[in-house]
N, C-alpha and C. Protein backbone atom coordinates (compact mmCIF):
# COMPACT_ATOMS: atom_id res chain seq x y z
N MET A 1 9.00 25.65 -32.27
CA MET A 1 8.02 25.40 -31.49
C MET A 1 6.79 25.08 -32.06
N LYS A 2 6.46 23.68 -31.17
CA LYS A 2 5.06 23.40 -32.07
C LYS A 2 4.62 23.36 -30.79
N ALA A 3 3.10 23.12 -30.74
CA ALA A 3 2.44 23.59 -29.43
C ALA A 3 0.92 22.45 -30.50
N PHE A 4 0.20 21.31 -28.80
CA PHE A 4 -0.51 20.75 -29.42
C PHE A 4 -1.76 20.91 -28.74
N ARG A 5 -3.36 21.39 -28.62
CA ARG A 5 -3.84 21.03 -27.33
C ARG A 5 -4.84 19.74 -27.75
N LEU A 6 -4.58 19.13 -26.96
CA LEU A 6 -5.58 17.19 -26.41
C LEU A 6 -7.05 17.98 -27.37
N ASP A 7 -7.83 18.21 -27.11
CA ASP A 7 -9.20 18.08 -27.42
C ASP A 7 -8.89 18.07 -28.88
N GLU A 8 -7.98 19.20 -29.53
CA GLU A 8 -7.67 19.60 -30.82
C GLU A 8 -7.41 18.03 -31.61
N LEU A 9 -6.98 17.68 -30.97
CA LEU A 9 -5.99 16.19 -31.39
C LEU A 9 -7.75 15.40 -31.45
N GLU A 10 -8.16 15.05 -30.66
CA GLU A 10 -8.98 14.49 -30.39
C GLU A 10 -10.08 14.37 -31.05
N ALA A 11 -10.58 15.65 -31.75
CA ALA A 11 -11.53 16.32 -32.85
C ALA A 11 -11.10 15.95 -34.03
N GLU A 12 -9.53 16.15 -34.52
CA GLU A 12 -8.55 15.71 -35.96
C GLU A 12 -9.27 14.33 -35.63
N ARG A 13 -9.05 13.41 -35.03
CA ARG A 13 -8.34 11.97 -34.54
C ARG A 13 -10.06 10.99 -35.26
N ALA A 14 -11.65 11.40 -34.65
CA ALA A 14 -12.66 11.39 -34.13
C ALA A 14 -12.70 11.88 -35.78
N ALA A 15 -12.55 13.29 -36.72
CA ALA A 15 -12.93 13.19 -37.74
C ALA A 15 -12.51 12.84 -38.53
N ASN A 16 -11.18 11.68 -38.48
CA ASN A 16 -10.79 10.91 -39.36
C ASN A 16 -10.88 9.97 -39.27
N GLN A 17 -12.17 9.17 -38.37
CA GLN A 17 -12.53 7.67 -38.47
C GLN A 17 -11.85 6.57 -37.61
N GLY A 18 -10.54 7.09 -37.34
CA GLY A 18 -9.47 6.03 -37.23
C GLY A 18 -8.66 6.20 -35.33
N ALA A 19 -8.28 4.95 -34.93
CA ALA A 19 -8.56 5.36 -33.51
C ALA A 19 -6.92 5.32 -33.53
N TYR A 20 -6.03 6.30 -34.18
CA TYR A 20 -4.59 6.85 -34.23
C TYR A 20 -5.09 7.81 -35.30
N LEU A 21 -3.60 9.02 -34.61
CA LEU A 21 -3.26 9.71 -34.96
C LEU A 21 -1.56 9.89 -35.14
N GLN A 22 -1.05 10.61 -35.91
CA GLN A 22 0.41 10.93 -35.81
C GLN A 22 -0.09 11.70 -35.89
N PHE A 23 0.05 12.62 -35.23
CA PHE A 23 0.30 14.38 -34.97
C PHE A 23 1.45 15.24 -34.73
N LEU A 24 2.60 14.03 -34.81
CA LEU A 24 4.24 15.09 -34.71
C LEU A 24 5.48 13.89 -35.20
N ARG A 25 6.26 14.47 -36.14
CA ARG A 25 6.87 13.05 -36.38
C ARG A 25 8.28 14.01 -36.79
N GLU A 26 9.32 13.59 -36.58
CA GLU A 26 10.36 14.10 -36.41
C GLU A 26 11.54 12.60 -36.69
N ARG A 27 12.95 12.87 -36.88
CA ARG A 27 14.12 12.97 -37.75
C ARG A 27 14.39 11.37 -36.94
N ASN A 28 14.02 11.79 -35.24
CA ASN A 28 14.98 10.51 -33.88
C ASN A 28 12.70 10.38 -33.16
N MET A 29 11.78 10.77 -33.49
CA MET A 29 10.80 9.72 -32.99
C MET A 29 10.20 10.47 -33.63
N SER A 30 8.11 9.73 -33.40
CA SER A 30 6.93 9.93 -34.13
C SER A 30 6.06 10.17 -32.93
N VAL A 31 4.50 11.29 -32.76
CA VAL A 31 4.29 10.94 -31.81
C VAL A 31 2.48 11.40 -32.02
N GLY A 32 1.86 10.04 -31.19
CA GLY A 32 0.77 10.39 -31.84
C GLY A 32 -0.68 10.21 -30.75
N LEU A 33 -2.11 10.32 -31.13
CA LEU A 33 -2.73 9.91 -30.26
C LEU A 33 -3.85 8.71 -30.77
N TYR A 34 -3.78 7.63 -29.68
CA TYR A 34 -4.20 6.60 -29.66
C TYR A 34 -5.25 6.30 -29.03
N ALA A 35 -6.62 6.13 -29.28
CA ALA A 35 -8.12 6.18 -28.83
C ALA A 35 -8.52 4.77 -29.06
N LEU A 36 -8.45 4.11 -27.55
CA LEU A 36 -10.21 3.33 -27.76
C LEU A 36 -10.56 3.42 -26.72
N ASP A 37 -12.31 3.34 -26.36
CA ASP A 37 -13.42 2.90 -26.26
C ASP A 37 -13.76 1.93 -25.51
N ALA A 38 -14.51 2.60 -24.28
CA ALA A 38 -14.93 1.01 -23.47
C ALA A 38 -15.04 -0.38 -23.81
N GLY A 39 -14.79 -1.03 -23.71
CA GLY A 39 -15.64 -1.93 -24.29
C GLY A 39 -14.59 -2.78 -25.36
N ASP A 40 -13.32 -1.80 -26.16
CA ASP A 40 -13.19 -1.84 -27.59
C ASP A 40 -11.94 -3.34 -26.99
N SER A 41 -11.75 -3.40 -28.41
CA SER A 41 -10.60 -5.11 -29.21
C SER A 41 -9.27 -3.23 -28.94
N ASP A 42 -7.94 -4.11 -28.13
CA ASP A 42 -6.99 -3.04 -28.56
C ASP A 42 -6.50 -4.57 -29.70
N PRO A 43 -6.19 -3.87 -31.52
CA PRO A 43 -6.29 -4.86 -32.07
C PRO A 43 -3.98 -4.45 -32.51
N GLN A 44 -3.30 -4.17 -31.92
CA GLN A 44 -2.06 -4.04 -31.89
C GLN A 44 -1.53 -5.08 -31.89
N ALA A 45 -0.03 -5.05 -32.36
CA ALA A 45 1.20 -6.63 -32.48
C ALA A 45 2.04 -5.40 -32.62
N PRO A 46 3.58 -6.25 -32.93
CA PRO A 46 4.11 -5.82 -31.18
C PRO A 46 4.56 -4.16 -32.62
N HIS A 47 5.76 -3.77 -32.31
CA HIS A 47 6.03 -2.96 -33.42
C HIS A 47 7.97 -3.38 -33.61
N ASN A 48 8.13 -2.43 -34.16
CA ASN A 48 9.30 -2.33 -34.87
C ASN A 48 10.25 -0.64 -33.40
N GLN A 49 9.28 -0.22 -33.40
CA GLN A 49 10.44 0.39 -32.66
C GLN A 49 10.08 0.11 -31.13
N ASP A 50 11.09 1.33 -30.40
CA ASP A 50 10.67 1.75 -28.55
C ASP A 50 9.09 2.64 -28.64
N GLU A 51 8.57 1.87 -27.28
CA GLU A 51 7.49 3.56 -27.56
C GLU A 51 7.21 3.38 -26.38
N VAL A 52 6.43 4.51 -25.46
CA VAL A 52 6.07 5.45 -24.81
C VAL A 52 4.52 5.90 -24.63
N TYR A 53 3.98 4.57 -23.70
CA TYR A 53 2.48 5.21 -23.87
C TYR A 53 2.58 6.47 -22.70
N PHE A 54 1.38 7.53 -22.88
CA PHE A 54 1.06 8.48 -21.85
C PHE A 54 -0.14 8.19 -21.30
N VAL A 55 -0.77 7.87 -20.22
CA VAL A 55 -2.80 7.71 -20.28
C VAL A 55 -3.29 9.12 -20.21
N ALA A 56 -4.21 9.38 -20.54
CA ALA A 56 -3.68 11.65 -20.75
C ALA A 56 -5.69 10.72 -20.27
N SER A 57 -6.03 10.02 -20.52
CA SER A 57 -7.25 9.15 -19.83
C SER A 57 -8.15 8.14 -19.76
N GLY A 58 -8.80 7.90 -18.52
CA GLY A 58 -9.40 6.79 -19.08
C GLY A 58 -8.98 5.28 -18.03
N ARG A 59 -9.52 4.64 -18.23
CA ARG A 59 -9.00 3.07 -17.32
C ARG A 59 -8.66 2.21 -18.25
N ALA A 60 -7.82 1.16 -17.95
CA ALA A 60 -8.12 -0.13 -18.61
C ALA A 60 -6.92 -0.87 -18.16
N ALA A 61 -6.52 -2.21 -18.44
CA ALA A 61 -5.56 -3.02 -17.89
C ALA A 61 -4.47 -2.95 -19.28
N VAL A 62 -3.47 -3.02 -19.19
CA VAL A 62 -2.18 -3.73 -20.55
C VAL A 62 -0.97 -4.03 -20.18
N THR A 63 -1.32 -5.59 -20.80
CA THR A 63 -0.40 -6.60 -20.43
C THR A 63 0.87 -5.83 -21.43
N VAL A 64 2.26 -6.00 -21.20
CA VAL A 64 3.22 -5.76 -22.26
C VAL A 64 4.12 -7.11 -22.10
N GLY A 65 4.61 -8.07 -22.72
CA GLY A 65 4.63 -9.04 -22.52
C GLY A 65 3.95 -10.30 -21.82
N VAL A 66 4.43 -10.60 -20.37
CA VAL A 66 4.10 -11.12 -19.45
C VAL A 66 3.75 -10.81 -18.16
N GLU A 67 3.43 -9.95 -18.18
CA GLU A 67 3.16 -8.50 -17.43
C GLU A 67 2.31 -7.69 -17.68
N THR A 68 0.93 -7.96 -16.32
CA THR A 68 -0.33 -7.37 -16.75
C THR A 68 0.14 -6.15 -15.37
N THR A 69 -0.68 -5.14 -15.85
CA THR A 69 -1.08 -4.35 -14.68
C THR A 69 -2.02 -3.00 -14.74
N THR A 70 -2.57 -2.76 -14.01
CA THR A 70 -3.72 -1.46 -14.67
C THR A 70 -3.23 -0.32 -14.43
N VAL A 71 -4.42 0.57 -15.89
CA VAL A 71 -3.47 1.99 -16.34
C VAL A 71 -4.86 2.84 -16.07
N SER A 72 -4.42 4.20 -15.44
CA SER A 72 -5.61 5.40 -15.75
C SER A 72 -4.72 7.22 -15.86
N ARG A 73 -5.48 7.47 -15.71
CA ARG A 73 -5.06 8.67 -15.92
C ARG A 73 -3.51 9.45 -15.76
N GLY A 74 -2.62 10.04 -16.22
CA GLY A 74 -0.95 9.93 -15.16
C GLY A 74 -0.15 8.66 -15.44
N SER A 75 -0.81 7.67 -15.83
CA SER A 75 0.34 6.19 -16.10
C SER A 75 0.59 6.22 -17.69
N VAL A 76 2.39 5.93 -16.95
CA VAL A 76 3.91 6.16 -18.33
C VAL A 76 3.93 4.43 -18.17
N ILE A 77 3.91 3.69 -19.81
CA ILE A 77 4.34 2.57 -19.48
C ILE A 77 5.50 2.57 -20.75
N TYR A 78 6.41 1.91 -20.47
CA TYR A 78 7.29 2.09 -21.96
C TYR A 78 7.13 0.39 -22.58
N VAL A 79 7.47 -0.17 -23.64
CA VAL A 79 6.88 -0.88 -24.39
C VAL A 79 8.75 -1.28 -25.32
N PRO A 80 9.33 -2.28 -25.10
CA PRO A 80 10.75 -2.07 -26.18
C PRO A 80 10.11 -2.71 -27.42
N ALA A 81 10.94 -2.40 -28.56
CA ALA A 81 10.99 -2.52 -29.48
C ALA A 81 10.60 -4.59 -29.98
N GLY A 82 9.61 -5.23 -30.37
CA GLY A 82 9.36 -6.39 -30.67
C GLY A 82 8.74 -7.04 -29.57
N VAL A 83 8.50 -6.05 -28.30
CA VAL A 83 7.59 -6.95 -27.26
C VAL A 83 5.54 -6.72 -27.24
N PRO A 84 5.35 -8.11 -27.83
CA PRO A 84 4.20 -8.29 -27.83
C PRO A 84 3.04 -7.61 -26.26
N HIS A 85 2.24 -6.62 -27.23
CA HIS A 85 1.55 -6.05 -25.92
C HIS A 85 0.30 -5.55 -26.16
N LYS A 86 -0.64 -5.35 -25.33
CA LYS A 86 -2.01 -5.24 -25.75
C LYS A 86 -3.20 -3.90 -24.44
N PHE A 87 -4.18 -3.45 -24.72
CA PHE A 87 -4.56 -3.19 -24.20
C PHE A 87 -5.90 -3.74 -23.55
N HIS A 88 -6.86 -3.92 -22.63
CA HIS A 88 -7.66 -5.08 -22.14
C HIS A 88 -8.08 -4.01 -21.29
N HIS A 89 -9.71 -4.30 -21.02
CA HIS A 89 -10.33 -4.92 -20.37
C HIS A 89 -10.61 -2.81 -19.59
N ILE A 90 -10.85 -2.65 -21.13
CA ILE A 90 -10.87 -0.99 -20.69
C ILE A 90 -12.52 -0.80 -20.50
N SER A 91 -12.35 0.27 -19.47
CA SER A 91 -13.47 0.41 -18.70
C SER A 91 -13.79 1.84 -18.59
N GLU A 92 -13.17 2.36 -19.03
CA GLU A 92 -13.51 3.95 -19.66
C GLU A 92 -12.97 4.34 -20.58
N ASP A 93 -13.30 4.91 -21.92
CA ASP A 93 -12.38 5.43 -22.99
C ASP A 93 -11.27 5.52 -22.50
N LEU A 94 -9.96 5.62 -23.19
CA LEU A 94 -8.85 5.67 -23.17
C LEU A 94 -8.46 6.64 -24.18
N ARG A 95 -7.29 7.65 -23.92
CA ARG A 95 -7.11 8.32 -24.84
C ARG A 95 -5.37 8.18 -24.11
N VAL A 96 -4.14 8.08 -25.11
CA VAL A 96 -3.22 7.91 -24.82
C VAL A 96 -2.13 7.95 -26.24
N LEU A 97 -1.11 9.14 -25.44
CA LEU A 97 -0.36 10.10 -26.15
C LEU A 97 0.87 8.21 -26.42
N VAL A 98 1.11 8.83 -27.57
CA VAL A 98 2.22 7.50 -27.78
C VAL A 98 3.63 7.69 -28.56
N VAL A 99 5.00 7.31 -27.97
CA VAL A 99 5.72 8.37 -28.54
C VAL A 99 6.74 6.93 -28.90
N PHE A 100 6.96 6.95 -30.26
CA PHE A 100 7.24 5.81 -30.51
C PHE A 100 8.95 6.55 -31.32
N SER A 101 10.54 5.91 -30.89
CA SER A 101 11.64 6.02 -31.00
C SER A 101 12.03 5.03 -32.32
N PRO A 102 12.16 5.33 -33.42
CA PRO A 102 12.61 5.88 -33.73
C PRO A 102 10.65 6.44 -34.83
N PRO A 103 11.40 7.23 -35.82
CA PRO A 103 9.24 7.17 -36.16
C PRO A 103 8.95 5.75 -36.42
N GLU A 104 7.91 5.88 -36.11
CA GLU A 104 6.92 4.83 -36.37
C GLU A 104 6.95 4.59 -38.92
N GLY A 105 7.06 3.50 -39.11
CA GLY A 105 6.29 3.66 -40.28
C GLY A 105 7.44 4.00 -41.02
């Protein structure tokens, strides 16, 4: 078993001064913590993997393809491989768990 605490992952991500921290990588998936602060721009480009986002905290809008919705704590978003997507109008610091399948990179 591998177990993680969100507060410890956030501290590690912040210490590494990056927006993304991959904390689990297995044969069929990888999982990371993605952080965007209020007012930030999301620099993402489409990925070659399917993705599932779980919003742990914060508030924003997300556009996937041509669809836009608001997200907040508890929201889950699926993004198929190759589809453009971005978080925007980030009004509260956003912390999102990201599952890539197959593993990113």
